[in-house]
Amino acid sequence: MMMKHGWDNYVRYAWGKNELRPISKRGHSASIFGASNMGATIVDGMDTLYIMGLHDEYKQARDWIAQNLDFDIVMTYFQSFDTVKTFD
């Protein structure tokens, strides 16, 4: 099962980071969300984990979100981003 393989490697090498870089086996967080560890892969994968019946993995993801996800970090980035003025 490809989802299980990908998820297990994300957990092993990049847990809490936004994504896994599979070749280097390292987590990476710099993205449109800034450099914060938002666990974007965790948030994005939750519905798939549940639908595929990977309920232990779903619970692990849910618990990480409950304990670690902080939208205040992201909102600080977006508030700065939104204030950028572009000139036509």
PDB file of N, CA and C in Angstrom:
ATOM      1  N   MET A   1       0.851  -1.161   0.000  1.00  0.00           N
ATOM      2  CA  MET A   1       0.000   0.000   0.000  1.00  0.00           C
ATOM      3  C   MET A   1       0.905   1.236   0.000  1.00  0.00           C
ATOM      4  N   MET A   2       0.829   2.008  -1.064  1.00  0.00           N
ATOM      5  CA  MET A   2       1.717   3.151  -1.252  1.00  0.00           C
ATOM      6  C   MET A   2       1.523   4.235  -0.197  1.00  0.00           C
ATOM      7  N   MET A   3       0.285   4.513   0.184  1.00  0.00           N
ATOM      8  CA  MET A   3       0.030   5.538   1.202  1.00  0.00           C
ATOM      9  C   MET A   3       0.713   5.167   2.515  1.00  0.00           C
ATOM     10  N   LYS A   4       0.613   3.927   2.908  1.00  0.00           N
ATOM     11  CA  LYS A   4       1.220   3.468   4.163  1.00  0.00           C
ATOM     12  C   LYS A   4       2.732   3.597   4.093  1.00  0.00           C
ATOM     13  N   HIS A   5       3.314   3.233   2.987  1.00  0.00           N
ATOM     14  CA  HIS A   5       4.769   3.343   2.810  1.00  0.00           C
ATOM     15  C   HIS A   5       5.208   4.805   2.904  1.00  0.00           C
ATOM     16  N   GLY A   6       4.521   5.686   2.186  1.00  0.00           N
ATOM     17  CA  GLY A   6       4.856   7.106   2.217  1.00  0.00           C
ATOM     18  C   GLY A   6       4.667   7.695   3.601  1.00  0.00           C
ATOM     19  N   TRP A   7       3.565   7.342   4.254  1.00  0.00           N
ATOM     20  CA  TRP A   7       3.286   7.869   5.596  1.00  0.00           C
ATOM     21  C   TRP A   7       4.349   7.408   6.592  1.00  0.00           C
ATOM     22  N   ASP A   8       4.670   6.119   6.560  1.00  0.00           N
ATOM     23  CA  ASP A   8       5.672   5.587   7.500  1.00  0.00           C
ATOM     24  C   ASP A   8       7.015   6.290   7.347  1.00  0.00           C
ATOM     25  N   ASN A   9       7.407   6.589   6.126  1.00  0.00           N
ATOM     26  CA  ASN A   9       8.674   7.283   5.911  1.00  0.00           C
ATOM     27  C   ASN A   9       8.598   8.741   6.333  1.00  0.00           C
ATOM     28  N   TYR A  10       7.460   9.371   6.118  1.00  0.00           N
ATOM     29  CA  TYR A  10       7.298  10.736   6.621  1.00  0.00           C
ATOM     30  C   TYR A  10       7.432  10.743   8.146  1.00  0.00           C
ATOM     31  N   VAL A  11       6.772   9.807   8.812  1.00  0.00           N
ATOM     32  CA  VAL A  11       6.837   9.719  10.279  1.00  0.00           C
ATOM     33  C   VAL A  11       8.275   9.489  10.726  1.00  0.00           C
ATOM     34  N   ARG A  12       8.980   8.608  10.064  1.00  0.00           N
ATOM     35  CA  ARG A  12      10.350   8.252  10.455  1.00  0.00           C
ATOM     36  C   ARG A  12      11.329   9.412  10.251  1.00  0.00           C
ATOM     37  N   TYR A  13      11.230  10.097   9.127  1.00  0.00           N
ATOM     38  CA  TYR A  13      12.271  11.064   8.773  1.00  0.00           C
ATOM     39  C   TYR A  13      11.873  12.540   8.889  1.00  0.00           C
ATOM     40  N   ALA A  14      10.582  12.840   8.940  1.00  0.00           N
ATOM     41  CA  ALA A  14      10.199  14.252   8.845  1.00  0.00           C
ATOM     42  C   ALA A  14       9.030  14.635   9.745  1.00  0.00           C
ATOM     43  N   TRP A  15       8.739  13.850  10.744  1.00  0.00           N
ATOM     44  CA  TRP A  15       7.560  14.085  11.575  1.00  0.00           C
ATOM     45  C   TRP A  15       7.500  15.531  12.072  1.00  0.00           C
ATOM     46  N   GLY A  16       6.382  16.205  11.824  1.00  0.00           N
ATOM     47  CA  GLY A  16       6.172  17.576  12.251  1.00  0.00           C
ATOM     48  C   GLY A  16       6.632  18.628  11.255  1.00  0.00           C
ATOM     49  N   LYS A  17       7.470  18.246  10.325  1.00  0.00           N
ATOM     50  CA  LYS A  17       7.890  19.177   9.268  1.00  0.00           C
ATOM     51  C   LYS A  17       6.773  19.245   8.230  1.00  0.00           C
ATOM     52  N   ASN A  18       6.870  20.192   7.325  1.00  0.00           N
ATOM     53  CA  ASN A  18       5.824  20.330   6.310  1.00  0.00           C
ATOM     54  C   ASN A  18       5.875  19.235   5.260  1.00  0.00           C
ATOM     55  N   GLU A  19       7.046  18.763   4.957  1.00  0.00           N
ATOM     56  CA  GLU A  19       7.163  17.724   3.928  1.00  0.00           C
ATOM     57  C   GLU A  19       8.430  16.913   4.130  1.00  0.00           C
ATOM     58  N   LEU A  20       8.469  15.759   3.463  1.00  0.00           N
ATOM     59  CA  LEU A  20       9.644  14.891   3.458  1.00  0.00           C
ATOM     60  C   LEU A  20      10.340  15.028   2.115  1.00  0.00           C
ATOM     61  N   ARG A  21      11.634  15.226   2.172  1.00  0.00           N
ATOM     62  CA  ARG A  21      12.441  15.164   0.951  1.00  0.00           C
ATOM     63  C   ARG A  21      12.966  13.735   0.858  1.00  0.00           C
ATOM     64  N   PRO A  22      12.389  12.928  -0.024  1.00  0.00           N
ATOM     65  CA  PRO A  22      12.654  11.493   0.001  1.00  0.00           C
ATOM     66  C   PRO A  22      14.087  11.089  -0.329  1.00  0.00           C
ATOM     67  N   ILE A  23      14.760  11.809  -1.177  1.00  0.00           N
ATOM     68  CA  ILE A  23      16.124  11.412  -1.540  1.00  0.00           C
ATOM     69  C   ILE A  23      17.076  11.630  -0.377  1.00  0.00           C
ATOM     70  N   SER A  24      16.986  12.794   0.263  1.00  0.00           N
ATOM     71  CA  SER A  24      17.875  13.086   1.393  1.00  0.00           C
ATOM     72  C   SER A  24      17.341  12.520   2.707  1.00  0.00           C
ATOM     73  N   LYS A  25      16.091  12.057   2.703  1.00  0.00           N
ATOM     74  CA  LYS A  25      15.434  11.544   3.913  1.00  0.00           C
ATOM     75  C   LYS A  25      15.477  12.576   5.033  1.00  0.00           C
ATOM     76  N   ARG A  26      15.114  13.799   4.680  1.00  0.00           N
ATOM     77  CA  ARG A  26      15.082  14.895   5.648  1.00  0.00           C
ATOM     78  C   ARG A  26      13.757  15.636   5.532  1.00  0.00           C
ATOM     79  N   GLY A  27      13.349  16.186   6.668  1.00  0.00           N
ATOM     80  CA  GLY A  27      12.161  17.009   6.679  1.00  0.00           C
ATOM     81  C   GLY A  27      12.479  18.397   6.171  1.00  0.00           C
ATOM     82  N   HIS A  28      11.460  19.054   5.641  1.00  0.00           N
ATOM     83  CA  HIS A  28      11.626  20.394   5.086  1.00  0.00           C
ATOM     84  C   HIS A  28      10.386  21.201   5.456  1.00  0.00           C
ATOM     85  N   SER A  29      10.581  22.456   5.852  1.00  0.00           N
ATOM     86  CA  SER A  29       9.426  23.263   6.240  1.00  0.00           C
ATOM     87  C   SER A  29       9.307  24.591   5.517  1.00  0.00           C
ATOM     88  N   ALA A  30      10.335  25.078   4.890  1.00  0.00           N
ATOM     89  CA  ALA A  30      10.221  26.363   4.189  1.00  0.00           C
ATOM     90  C   ALA A  30       9.229  26.211   3.046  1.00  0.00           C
ATOM     91  N   SER A  31       8.247  27.108   3.009  1.00  0.00           N
ATOM     92  CA  SER A  31       7.207  27.026   1.988  1.00  0.00           C
ATOM     93  C   SER A  31       6.412  28.317   1.986  1.00  0.00           C
ATOM     94  N   ILE A  32       5.242  28.272   1.410  1.00  0.00           N
ATOM     95  CA  ILE A  32       4.381  29.449   1.417  1.00  0.00           C
ATOM     96  C   ILE A  32       3.954  29.815   2.830  1.00  0.00           C
ATOM     97  N   PHE A  33       4.136  28.899   3.769  1.00  0.00           N
ATOM     98  CA  PHE A  33       3.777  29.155   5.161  1.00  0.00           C
ATOM     99  C   PHE A  33       4.945  29.712   5.960  1.00  0.00           C
ATOM    100  N   GLY A  34       6.024  30.080   5.305  1.00  0.00           N
ATOM    101  CA  GLY A  34       7.218  30.502   6.020  1.00  0.00           C
ATOM    102  C   GLY A  34       8.014  29.277   6.415  1.00  0.00           C
ATOM    103  N   ALA A  35       8.830  29.402   7.423  1.00  0.00           N
ATOM    104  CA  ALA A  35       9.692  28.287   7.833  1.00  0.00           C
ATOM    105  C   ALA A  35       9.149  27.567   9.062  1.00  0.00           C
ATOM    106  N   SER A  36       7.884  27.758   9.392  1.00  0.00           N
ATOM    107  CA  SER A  36       7.339  27.120  10.588  1.00  0.00           C
ATOM    108  C   SER A  36       7.029  25.649  10.330  1.00  0.00           C
ATOM    109  N   ASN A  37       7.186  24.857  11.371  1.00  0.00           N
ATOM    110  CA  ASN A  37       6.863  23.436  11.293  1.00  0.00           C
ATOM    111  C   ASN A  37       5.370  23.260  11.547  1.00  0.00           C
ATOM    112  N   MET A  38       4.599  23.346  10.476  1.00  0.00           N
ATOM    113  CA  MET A  38       3.139  23.255  10.580  1.00  0.00           C
ATOM    114  C   MET A  38       2.623  21.847  10.382  1.00  0.00           C
ATOM    115  N   GLY A  39       3.496  20.933  10.028  1.00  0.00           N
ATOM    116  CA  GLY A  39       3.021  19.586   9.769  1.00  0.00           C
ATOM    117  C   GLY A  39       2.047  19.529   8.610  1.00  0.00           C
ATOM    118  N   ALA A  40       2.339  20.253   7.538  1.00  0.00           N
ATOM    119  CA  ALA A  40       1.414  20.328   6.399  1.00  0.00           C
ATOM    120  C   ALA A  40       1.064  18.945   5.859  1.00  0.00           C
ATOM    121  N   THR A  41       2.019  18.034   5.839  1.00  0.00           N
ATOM    122  CA  THR A  41       1.735  16.681   5.369  1.00  0.00           C
ATOM    123  C   THR A  41       0.768  15.975   6.302  1.00  0.00           C
ATOM    124  N   ILE A  42       0.915  16.223   7.596  1.00  0.00           N
ATOM    125  CA  ILE A  42       0.011  15.617   8.573  1.00  0.00           C
ATOM    126  C   ILE A  42      -1.415  16.107   8.333  1.00  0.00           C
ATOM    127  N   VAL A  43      -1.581  17.410   8.235  1.00  0.00           N
ATOM    128  CA  VAL A  43      -2.907  17.993   8.034  1.00  0.00           C
ATOM    129  C   VAL A  43      -3.496  17.525   6.700  1.00  0.00           C
ATOM    130  N   ASP A  44      -2.705  17.552   5.665  1.00  0.00           N
ATOM    131  CA  ASP A  44      -3.172  17.180   4.329  1.00  0.00           C
ATOM    132  C   ASP A  44      -3.544  15.708   4.232  1.00  0.00           C
ATOM    133  N   GLY A  45      -2.836  14.854   4.950  1.00  0.00           N
ATOM    134  CA  GLY A  45      -3.044  13.422   4.818  1.00  0.00           C
ATOM    135  C   GLY A  45      -4.114  12.823   5.712  1.00  0.00           C
ATOM    136  N   MET A  46      -4.637  13.596   6.647  1.00  0.00           N
ATOM    137  CA  MET A  46      -5.565  13.016   7.625  1.00  0.00           C
ATOM    138  C   MET A  46      -6.802  12.367   7.000  1.00  0.00           C
ATOM    139  N   ASP A  47      -7.442  13.040   6.070  1.00  0.00           N
ATOM    140  CA  ASP A  47      -8.651  12.464   5.486  1.00  0.00           C
ATOM    141  C   ASP A  47      -8.343  11.173   4.738  1.00  0.00           C
ATOM    142  N   THR A  48      -7.214  11.134   4.040  1.00  0.00           N
ATOM    143  CA  THR A  48      -6.834   9.929   3.313  1.00  0.00           C
ATOM    144  C   THR A  48      -6.543   8.787   4.275  1.00  0.00           C
ATOM    145  N   LEU A  49      -5.844   9.077   5.356  1.00  0.00           N
ATOM    146  CA  LEU A  49      -5.568   8.045   6.364  1.00  0.00           C
ATOM    147  C   LEU A  49      -6.874   7.438   6.867  1.00  0.00           C
ATOM    148  N   TYR A  50      -7.833   8.292   7.173  1.00  0.00           N
ATOM    149  CA  TYR A  50      -9.105   7.810   7.701  1.00  0.00           C
ATOM    150  C   TYR A  50      -9.867   6.984   6.668  1.00  0.00           C
ATOM    151  N   ILE A  51      -9.966   7.505   5.457  1.00  0.00           N
ATOM    152  CA  ILE A  51     -10.704   6.807   4.400  1.00  0.00           C
ATOM    153  C   ILE A  51     -10.081   5.452   4.095  1.00  0.00           C
ATOM    154  N   MET A  52      -8.754   5.383   4.162  1.00  0.00           N
ATOM    155  CA  MET A  52      -8.067   4.123   3.861  1.00  0.00           C
ATOM    156  C   MET A  52      -8.061   3.148   5.035  1.00  0.00           C
ATOM    157  N   GLY A  53      -8.662   3.542   6.130  1.00  0.00           N
ATOM    158  CA  GLY A  53      -8.750   2.640   7.269  1.00  0.00           C
ATOM    159  C   GLY A  53      -7.488   2.578   8.117  1.00  0.00           C
ATOM    160  N   LEU A  54      -6.603   3.556   7.944  1.00  0.00           N
ATOM    161  CA  LEU A  54      -5.373   3.606   8.739  1.00  0.00           C
ATOM    162  C   LEU A  54      -5.662   4.414  10.010  1.00  0.00           C
ATOM    163  N   HIS A  55      -6.475   3.833  10.859  1.00  0.00           N
ATOM    164  CA  HIS A  55      -6.996   4.565  12.014  1.00  0.00           C
ATOM    165  C   HIS A  55      -5.946   4.840  13.087  1.00  0.00           C
ATOM    166  N   ASP A  56      -4.967   3.970  13.252  1.00  0.00           N
ATOM    167  CA  ASP A  56      -3.884   4.254  14.211  1.00  0.00           C
ATOM    168  C   ASP A  56      -3.067   5.453  13.745  1.00  0.00           C
ATOM    169  N   GLU A  57      -2.780   5.489  12.453  1.00  0.00           N
ATOM    170  CA  GLU A  57      -2.035   6.601  11.891  1.00  0.00           C
ATOM    171  C   GLU A  57      -2.853   7.890  11.962  1.00  0.00           C
ATOM    172  N   TYR A  58      -4.163   7.783  11.719  1.00  0.00           N
ATOM    173  CA  TYR A  58      -5.055   8.933  11.830  1.00  0.00           C
ATOM    174  C   TYR A  58      -5.023   9.492  13.253  1.00  0.00           C
ATOM    175  N   LYS A  59      -5.095   8.619  14.246  1.00  0.00           N
ATOM    176  CA  LYS A  59      -5.066   9.063  15.642  1.00  0.00           C
ATOM    177  C   LYS A  59      -3.734   9.740  15.954  1.00  0.00           C
ATOM    178  N   GLN A  60      -2.650   9.184  15.456  1.00  0.00           N
ATOM    179  CA  GLN A  60      -1.319   9.788  15.662  1.00  0.00           C
ATOM    180  C   GLN A  60      -1.295  11.204  15.073  1.00  0.00           C
ATOM    181  N   ALA A  61      -1.837  11.365  13.873  1.00  0.00           N
ATOM    182  CA  ALA A  61      -1.893  12.682  13.223  1.00  0.00           C
ATOM    183  C   ALA A  61      -2.793  13.631  14.010  1.00  0.00           C
ATOM    184  N   ARG A  62      -3.961  13.153  14.409  1.00  0.00           N
ATOM    185  CA  ARG A  62      -4.891  13.972  15.180  1.00  0.00           C
ATOM    186  C   ARG A  62      -4.251  14.455  16.478  1.00  0.00           C
ATOM    187  N   ASP A  63      -3.535  13.566  17.153  1.00  0.00           N
ATOM    188  CA  ASP A  63      -2.890  13.933  18.413  1.00  0.00           C
ATOM    189  C   ASP A  63      -1.798  14.976  18.185  1.00  0.00           C
ATOM    190  N   TRP A  64      -1.030  14.832  17.084  1.00  0.00           N
ATOM    191  CA  TRP A  64       0.022  15.819  16.803  1.00  0.00           C
ATOM    192  C   TRP A  64      -0.610  17.194  16.570  1.00  0.00           C
ATOM    193  N   ILE A  65      -1.686  17.227  15.802  1.00  0.00           N
ATOM    194  CA  ILE A  65      -2.361  18.498  15.512  1.00  0.00           C
ATOM    195  C   ILE A  65      -2.880  19.134  16.799  1.00  0.00           C
ATOM    196  N   ALA A  66      -3.511  18.341  17.646  1.00  0.00           N
ATOM    197  CA  ALA A  66      -4.063  18.871  18.895  1.00  0.00           C
ATOM    198  C   ALA A  66      -2.975  19.465  19.785  1.00  0.00           C
ATOM    199  N   GLN A  67      -1.782  18.891  19.756  1.00  0.00           N
ATOM    200  CA  GLN A  67      -0.708  19.315  20.647  1.00  0.00           C
ATOM    201  C   GLN A  67       0.230  20.350  20.035  1.00  0.00           C
ATOM    202  N   ASN A  68       0.307  20.423  18.702  1.00  0.00           N
ATOM    203  CA  ASN A  68       1.380  21.204  18.090  1.00  0.00           C
ATOM    204  C   ASN A  68       0.976  22.260  17.077  1.00  0.00           C
ATOM    205  N   LEU A  69      -0.147  22.106  16.416  1.00  0.00           N
ATOM    206  CA  LEU A  69      -0.488  23.043  15.349  1.00  0.00           C
ATOM    207  C   LEU A  69      -0.852  24.401  15.944  1.00  0.00           C
ATOM    208  N   ASP A  70      -0.165  25.433  15.490  1.00  0.00           N
ATOM    209  CA  ASP A  70      -0.357  26.777  16.028  1.00  0.00           C
ATOM    210  C   ASP A  70      -0.576  27.739  14.872  1.00  0.00           C
ATOM    211  N   PHE A  71      -1.828  28.139  14.655  1.00  0.00           N
ATOM    212  CA  PHE A  71      -2.140  29.031  13.555  1.00  0.00           C
ATOM    213  C   PHE A  71      -1.625  30.449  13.774  1.00  0.00           C
ATOM    214  N   ASP A  72      -1.299  30.813  15.005  1.00  0.00           N
ATOM    215  CA  ASP A  72      -0.749  32.141  15.264  1.00  0.00           C
ATOM    216  C   ASP A  72       0.566  32.340  14.521  1.00  0.00           C
ATOM    217  N   ILE A  73       1.362  31.286  14.403  1.00  0.00           N
ATOM    218  CA  ILE A  73       2.629  31.373  13.670  1.00  0.00           C
ATOM    219  C   ILE A  73       2.353  31.660  12.202  1.00  0.00           C
ATOM    220  N   VAL A  74       1.405  30.966  11.641  1.00  0.00           N
ATOM    221  CA  VAL A  74       1.073  31.134  10.229  1.00  0.00           C
ATOM    222  C   VAL A  74       0.444  32.492   9.978  1.00  0.00           C
ATOM    223  N   MET A  75      -0.447  32.909  10.848  1.00  0.00           N
ATOM    224  CA  MET A  75      -1.127  34.188  10.647  1.00  0.00           C
ATOM    225  C   MET A  75      -0.149  35.351  10.679  1.00  0.00           C
ATOM    226  N   THR A  76       0.894  35.267  11.495  1.00  0.00           N
ATOM    227  CA  THR A  76       1.916  36.314  11.524  1.00  0.00           C
ATOM    228  C   THR A  76       2.559  36.436  10.152  1.00  0.00           C
ATOM    229  N   TYR A  77       2.851  35.307   9.526  1.00  0.00           N
ATOM    230  CA  TYR A  77       3.449  35.316   8.197  1.00  0.00           C
ATOM    231  C   TYR A  77       2.488  35.930   7.176  1.00  0.00           C
ATOM    232  N   PHE A  78       1.240  35.481   7.186  1.00  0.00           N
ATOM    233  CA  PHE A  78       0.291  35.967   6.192  1.00  0.00           C
ATOM    234  C   PHE A  78      -0.054  37.436   6.392  1.00  0.00           C
ATOM    235  N   GLN A  79      -0.079  37.907   7.620  1.00  0.00           N
ATOM    236  CA  GLN A  79      -0.341  39.320   7.836  1.00  0.00           C
ATOM    237  C   GLN A  79       0.788  40.157   7.239  1.00  0.00           C
ATOM    238  N   SER A  80       2.009  39.695   7.360  1.00  0.00           N
ATOM    239  CA  SER A  80       3.126  40.405   6.747  1.00  0.00           C
ATOM    240  C   SER A  80       3.035  40.323   5.226  1.00  0.00           C
ATOM    241  N   PHE A  81       2.673  39.153   4.725  1.00  0.00           N
ATOM    242  CA  PHE A  81       2.560  38.937   3.292  1.00  0.00           C
ATOM    243  C   PHE A  81       1.478  39.822   2.694  1.00  0.00           C
ATOM    244  N   ASP A  82       0.343  39.929   3.371  1.00  0.00           N
ATOM    245  CA  ASP A  82      -0.774  40.712   2.861  1.00  0.00           C
ATOM    246  C   ASP A  82      -0.493  42.203   2.793  1.00  0.00           C
ATOM    247  N   THR A  83       0.477  42.680   3.551  1.00  0.00           N
ATOM    248  CA  THR A  83       0.754  44.109   3.568  1.00  0.00           C
ATOM    249  C   THR A  83       1.720  44.540   2.459  1.00  0.00           C
ATOM    250  N   VAL A  84       2.214  43.589   1.698  1.00  0.00           N
ATOM    251  CA  VAL A  84       3.135  43.931   0.616  1.00  0.00           C
ATOM    252  C   VAL A  84       2.373  44.678  -0.477  1.00  0.00           C
ATOM    253  N   LYS A  85       2.871  45.823  -0.850  1.00  0.00           N
ATOM    254  CA  LYS A  85       2.206  46.641  -1.863  1.00  0.00           C
ATOM    255  C   LYS A  85       2.844  46.350  -3.218  1.00  0.00           C
ATOM    256  N   THR A  86       2.017  46.105  -4.198  1.00  0.00           N
ATOM    257  CA  THR A  86       2.534  45.932  -5.547  1.00  0.00           C
ATOM    258  C   THR A  86       2.188  47.165  -6.365  1.00  0.00           C
ATOM    259  N   PHE A  87       3.053  47.520  -7.250  1.00  0.00           N
ATOM    260  CA  PHE A  87       2.853  48.694  -8.099  1.00  0.00           C
ATOM    261  C   PHE A  87       2.632  48.227  -9.526  1.00  0.00           C
ATOM    262  N   ASP A  88       1.591  48.741 -10.137  1.00  0.00           N
ATOM    263  CA  ASP A  88       1.272  48.377 -11.522  1.00  0.00           C
ATOM    264  C   ASP A  88       2.014  49.231 -12.509  1.00  0.00           C
TER     265      ASP A  88
END
